[in-house]
Amino acid sequence: MQTGENEQALRKIIDFTRFLGVLVLILHFYFSCYGAFRALHISYSIVDKVLVNIYRLPVFKRILFVKSIAIGFLIISLIGTKGKKVEHIKFSNALTYTVLGLLLYYASAILFKLQASHLLIATLYISVTTVGFLLFLTGISMMYRIINVSLSNDVFNNENETFPQEERKLENEYSINLPARYNLKGKLRNSFISIVNPFRGVLVLGNPGSTCLEKAIS
């Protein structure tokens, strides 16, 4: 059974998994563009002493491997999400965002081969990789929001949702007849809402001693 506590716990796990993916990517930026961070005086010796042990892990030795781990955490976090369904989102648009994001995300490693300053290369690499990461996140999120059944083209919503209704005016001594119009097969037709027995199922409410209640009792 899905309870509020279970949903909150799942949301925390999803947020934590996505945070791990972003953290791995940030650490990768810091390690691969360390020269630029040092030139900007953003690096600190105390922090470097802590991060040097993390940098020695085999995960951060290869660019494609560490970026795959970051994107893997993102995919895992998206598996447990339930996007709000939207009818106008097309699968082709979501696929375009996803593929373009992956291309930018992985192809950005080519920028390290440019003959330019460390600061320029680091700026381009971080920017392109981040854009690819966000495009991939947008595309996958859009896929979870796609409605498989197109509601706008459903014939039952346009023509066949109506049915023949009572068009006769049924009258008696106590009947209440309300004129109405309804749509049938694309045509407006006149009808009547006839309440032939208004006393059936009528509830009379009133405070004790009220005139309405006394008349109902009498």
Protein backbone atom coordinates (compact mmCIF):
# COMPACT_ATOMS: atom_id res chain seq x y z
CA MET A 1 0.00 0.00 0.00
CA GLN A 2 1.19 3.47 -0.86
CA THR A 3 1.04 5.76 2.11
CA GLY A 4 2.25 9.29 2.65
CA GLU A 5 5.28 8.08 4.59
CA ASN A 6 6.28 5.68 1.82
CA GLU A 7 5.99 8.41 -0.80
CA GLN A 8 8.08 10.77 1.29
CA ALA A 9 10.73 8.11 1.81
CA LEU A 10 10.80 7.36 -1.92
CA ARG A 11 11.11 11.06 -2.70
CA LYS A 12 14.05 11.37 -0.31
CA ILE A 13 15.79 8.40 -1.94
CA ILE A 14 15.21 9.88 -5.39
CA ASP A 15 16.56 13.28 -4.31
CA PHE A 16 19.59 11.67 -2.67
CA THR A 17 20.36 9.58 -5.75
CA ARG A 18 20.11 12.62 -7.99
CA PHE A 19 22.33 14.54 -5.56
CA LEU A 20 24.97 11.80 -5.84
CA GLY A 21 24.97 12.14 -9.62
CA VAL A 22 25.40 15.91 -9.41
CA LEU A 23 28.10 15.54 -6.73
CA VAL A 24 30.09 13.08 -8.86
CA LEU A 25 29.87 15.48 -11.80
CA ILE A 26 31.01 18.45 -9.69
CA LEU A 27 33.97 16.48 -8.35
CA HIS A 28 34.84 15.49 -11.91
CA PHE A 29 34.81 19.15 -12.94
CA TYR A 30 37.08 20.05 -10.06
CA PHE A 31 39.58 17.27 -10.75
CA SER A 32 39.67 17.61 -14.54
CA CYS A 33 39.79 21.42 -14.51
CA TYR A 34 41.95 21.84 -11.44
CA GLY A 35 44.35 24.19 -13.25
CA ALA A 36 41.56 26.66 -13.96
CA PHE A 37 40.24 26.51 -10.40
CA ARG A 38 43.73 27.11 -9.09
CA ALA A 39 44.22 30.06 -11.45
CA LEU A 40 41.02 31.58 -10.12
CA HIS A 41 42.20 30.97 -6.52
CA ILE A 42 39.18 28.76 -5.82
CA SER A 43 41.20 25.75 -4.63
CA TYR A 44 42.14 25.42 -0.97
CA SER A 45 44.89 23.28 0.45
CA ILE A 46 42.72 21.90 3.26
CA VAL A 47 40.01 20.85 0.82
CA ASP A 48 42.59 19.39 -1.57
CA LYS A 49 43.99 17.16 1.18
CA VAL A 50 40.53 15.69 1.69
CA LEU A 51 39.74 15.36 -2.01
CA VAL A 52 43.07 13.81 -2.97
CA ASN A 53 41.96 10.48 -1.49
CA ILE A 54 38.78 10.63 -3.57
CA TYR A 55 40.78 11.51 -6.67
CA ARG A 56 42.85 8.35 -6.28
CA LEU A 57 39.76 6.20 -6.74
CA PRO A 58 39.70 4.38 -10.10
CA VAL A 59 36.33 6.00 -10.83
CA PHE A 60 37.86 9.40 -11.55
CA LYS A 61 40.71 8.16 -13.73
CA ARG A 62 38.65 7.97 -16.92
CA ILE A 63 36.41 10.77 -18.10
CA LEU A 64 33.83 8.62 -19.87
CA PHE A 65 33.58 6.26 -16.92
CA VAL A 66 32.97 8.93 -14.29
CA LYS A 67 30.49 10.75 -16.53
CA SER A 68 28.64 7.48 -17.10
CA ILE A 69 28.37 7.01 -13.33
CA ALA A 70 26.94 10.51 -12.92
CA ILE A 71 24.38 9.94 -15.68
CA GLY A 72 23.62 6.52 -14.22
CA PHE A 73 22.66 8.05 -10.87
CA LEU A 74 20.42 10.46 -12.75
CA ILE A 75 18.67 7.64 -14.63
CA ILE A 76 18.14 5.69 -11.40
CA SER A 77 16.56 8.75 -9.77
CA LEU A 78 14.23 9.22 -12.75
CA ILE A 79 12.98 5.62 -12.60
CA GLY A 80 11.08 6.28 -9.39
CA THR A 81 9.54 9.54 -10.52
CA LYS A 82 5.96 9.90 -11.76
CA GLY A 83 5.70 12.88 -14.04
CA LYS A 84 2.43 14.69 -14.52
CA LYS A 85 0.98 13.51 -17.82
CA VAL A 86 0.67 16.14 -20.55
CA GLU A 87 -1.09 15.47 -23.82
CA HIS A 88 0.78 17.88 -26.13
CA ILE A 89 4.26 16.42 -25.45
CA LYS A 90 5.51 14.38 -28.39
CA PHE A 91 7.90 11.46 -28.18
CA SER A 92 10.01 12.86 -31.03
CA ASN A 93 10.70 16.07 -29.08
CA ALA A 94 11.63 14.15 -25.95
CA LEU A 95 13.92 11.88 -27.96
CA THR A 96 15.59 14.88 -29.59
CA TYR A 97 16.37 16.44 -26.21
CA THR A 98 17.69 13.15 -24.88
CA VAL A 99 19.96 12.32 -27.82
CA LEU A 100 21.25 15.89 -28.14
CA GLY A 101 21.95 16.00 -24.43
CA LEU A 102 23.93 12.75 -24.53
CA LEU A 103 25.97 13.94 -27.52
CA LEU A 104 26.92 17.19 -25.81
CA TYR A 105 27.50 15.44 -22.51
CA TYR A 106 30.02 12.91 -23.84
CA ALA A 107 31.46 14.83 -26.79
CA SER A 108 32.55 17.70 -24.56
CA ALA A 109 35.69 15.72 -23.68
CA ILE A 110 37.08 16.71 -27.09
CA LEU A 111 37.49 20.26 -25.78
CA PHE A 112 40.54 19.19 -23.76
CA LYS A 113 42.43 18.79 -27.05
CA LEU A 114 42.08 22.48 -27.90
CA GLN A 115 45.17 24.67 -27.90
CA ALA A 116 43.90 27.29 -25.50
CA SER A 117 44.27 28.45 -21.92
CA HIS A 118 43.17 26.24 -19.04
CA LEU A 119 40.55 28.79 -18.04
CA LEU A 120 38.93 28.89 -21.48
CA ILE A 121 38.94 25.11 -21.86
CA ALA A 122 37.50 24.63 -18.37
CA THR A 123 34.75 27.19 -19.02
CA LEU A 124 33.76 25.57 -22.32
CA TYR A 125 33.95 22.04 -20.94
CA ILE A 126 31.86 22.74 -17.84
CA SER A 127 29.30 24.74 -19.82
CA VAL A 128 28.84 22.19 -22.62
CA THR A 129 28.73 19.24 -20.21
CA THR A 130 26.21 20.97 -17.96
CA VAL A 131 23.97 21.87 -20.92
CA GLY A 132 24.11 18.27 -22.13
CA PHE A 133 23.28 17.01 -18.65
CA LEU A 134 20.26 19.32 -18.37
CA LEU A 135 19.04 18.48 -21.89
CA PHE A 136 19.21 14.79 -21.10
CA LEU A 137 17.33 15.36 -17.85
CA THR A 138 14.67 17.38 -19.71
CA GLY A 139 14.24 14.74 -22.42
CA ILE A 140 13.91 11.83 -20.01
CA SER A 141 11.50 13.80 -17.83
CA MET A 142 9.36 14.57 -20.88
CA MET A 143 9.19 10.86 -21.74
CA TYR A 144 7.65 10.13 -18.35
CA ARG A 145 4.98 12.77 -19.03
CA ILE A 146 3.84 11.44 -22.40
CA ILE A 147 0.29 10.08 -22.61
CA ASN A 148 0.27 6.95 -24.73
CA VAL A 149 -3.39 7.38 -25.73
CA SER A 150 -4.20 10.56 -27.63
CA LEU A 151 -7.32 12.03 -26.05
CA SER A 152 -7.83 14.78 -28.61
CA ASN A 153 -8.26 12.28 -31.46
CA ASP A 154 -10.52 9.96 -29.53
CA VAL A 155 -13.85 9.69 -31.37
CA PHE A 156 -15.68 8.97 -28.11
CA ASN A 157 -14.82 12.44 -26.85
CA ASN A 158 -16.26 14.21 -29.90
CA GLU A 159 -19.24 12.31 -31.26
CA ASN A 160 -19.98 9.09 -29.47
CA GLU A 161 -19.92 10.37 -25.91
CA THR A 162 -23.56 11.52 -26.33
CA PHE A 163 -26.62 9.30 -26.53
CA PRO A 164 -30.33 9.75 -27.40
CA GLN A 165 -32.18 11.42 -24.56
CA GLU A 166 -35.86 11.79 -23.73
CA GLU A 167 -37.34 14.39 -26.06
CA ARG A 168 -40.99 13.96 -25.07
CA LYS A 169 -42.67 16.27 -22.59
CA LEU A 170 -44.06 13.93 -19.96
CA GLU A 171 -46.78 15.77 -18.06
CA ASN A 172 -49.09 15.02 -15.17
CA GLU A 173 -50.70 16.96 -12.33
CA TYR A 174 -47.44 17.45 -10.40
CA SER A 175 -44.80 17.16 -13.14
CA ILE A 176 -41.97 19.65 -13.57
CA ASN A 177 -40.78 19.98 -17.18
CA LEU A 178 -37.51 21.79 -17.93
CA PRO A 179 -36.67 22.46 -21.59
CA ALA A 180 -33.15 21.44 -22.58
CA ARG A 181 -30.90 20.92 -25.59
CA TYR A 182 -28.25 18.26 -26.16
CA ASN A 183 -25.73 17.32 -28.84
CA LEU A 184 -26.24 14.07 -30.76
CA LYS A 185 -23.98 13.12 -33.67
CA GLY A 186 -22.96 16.72 -34.15
CA LYS A 187 -26.53 18.09 -34.14
CA LEU A 188 -28.34 20.06 -31.43
CA ARG A 189 -31.68 18.53 -30.49
CA ASN A 190 -34.45 19.80 -28.22
CA SER A 191 -35.45 17.73 -25.21
CA PHE A 192 -37.18 17.95 -21.84
CA ILE A 193 -36.01 17.09 -18.37
CA SER A 194 -39.29 15.80 -16.95
CA ILE A 195 -39.65 15.23 -13.23
CA VAL A 196 -42.93 13.31 -13.19
CA ASN A 197 -42.95 12.65 -9.44
CA PRO A 198 -41.33 15.56 -7.58
CA PHE A 199 -42.39 14.10 -4.21
CA ARG A 200 -40.19 11.07 -4.62
CA GLY A 201 -36.77 11.48 -3.06
CA VAL A 202 -37.45 15.04 -1.85
CA LEU A 203 -35.87 15.99 1.46
CA VAL A 204 -37.47 18.81 3.46
CA LEU A 205 -35.19 20.59 5.93
CA GLY A 206 -36.07 23.20 8.51
CA ASN A 207 -35.58 24.28 12.08
CA PRO A 208 -38.03 23.06 14.74
CA GLY A 209 -41.15 25.21 14.63
CA SER A 210 -40.51 26.53 11.13
CA THR A 211 -43.40 26.97 8.73
CA CYS A 212 -41.79 24.72 6.11
CA LEU A 213 -41.47 21.84 8.57
CA GLU A 214 -45.03 22.27 9.90
CA LYS A 215 -46.44 22.15 6.38
CA ALA A 216 -44.39 19.07 5.55
CA ILE A 217 -45.60 17.28 8.68
CA SER A 218 -49.23 18.25 8.11
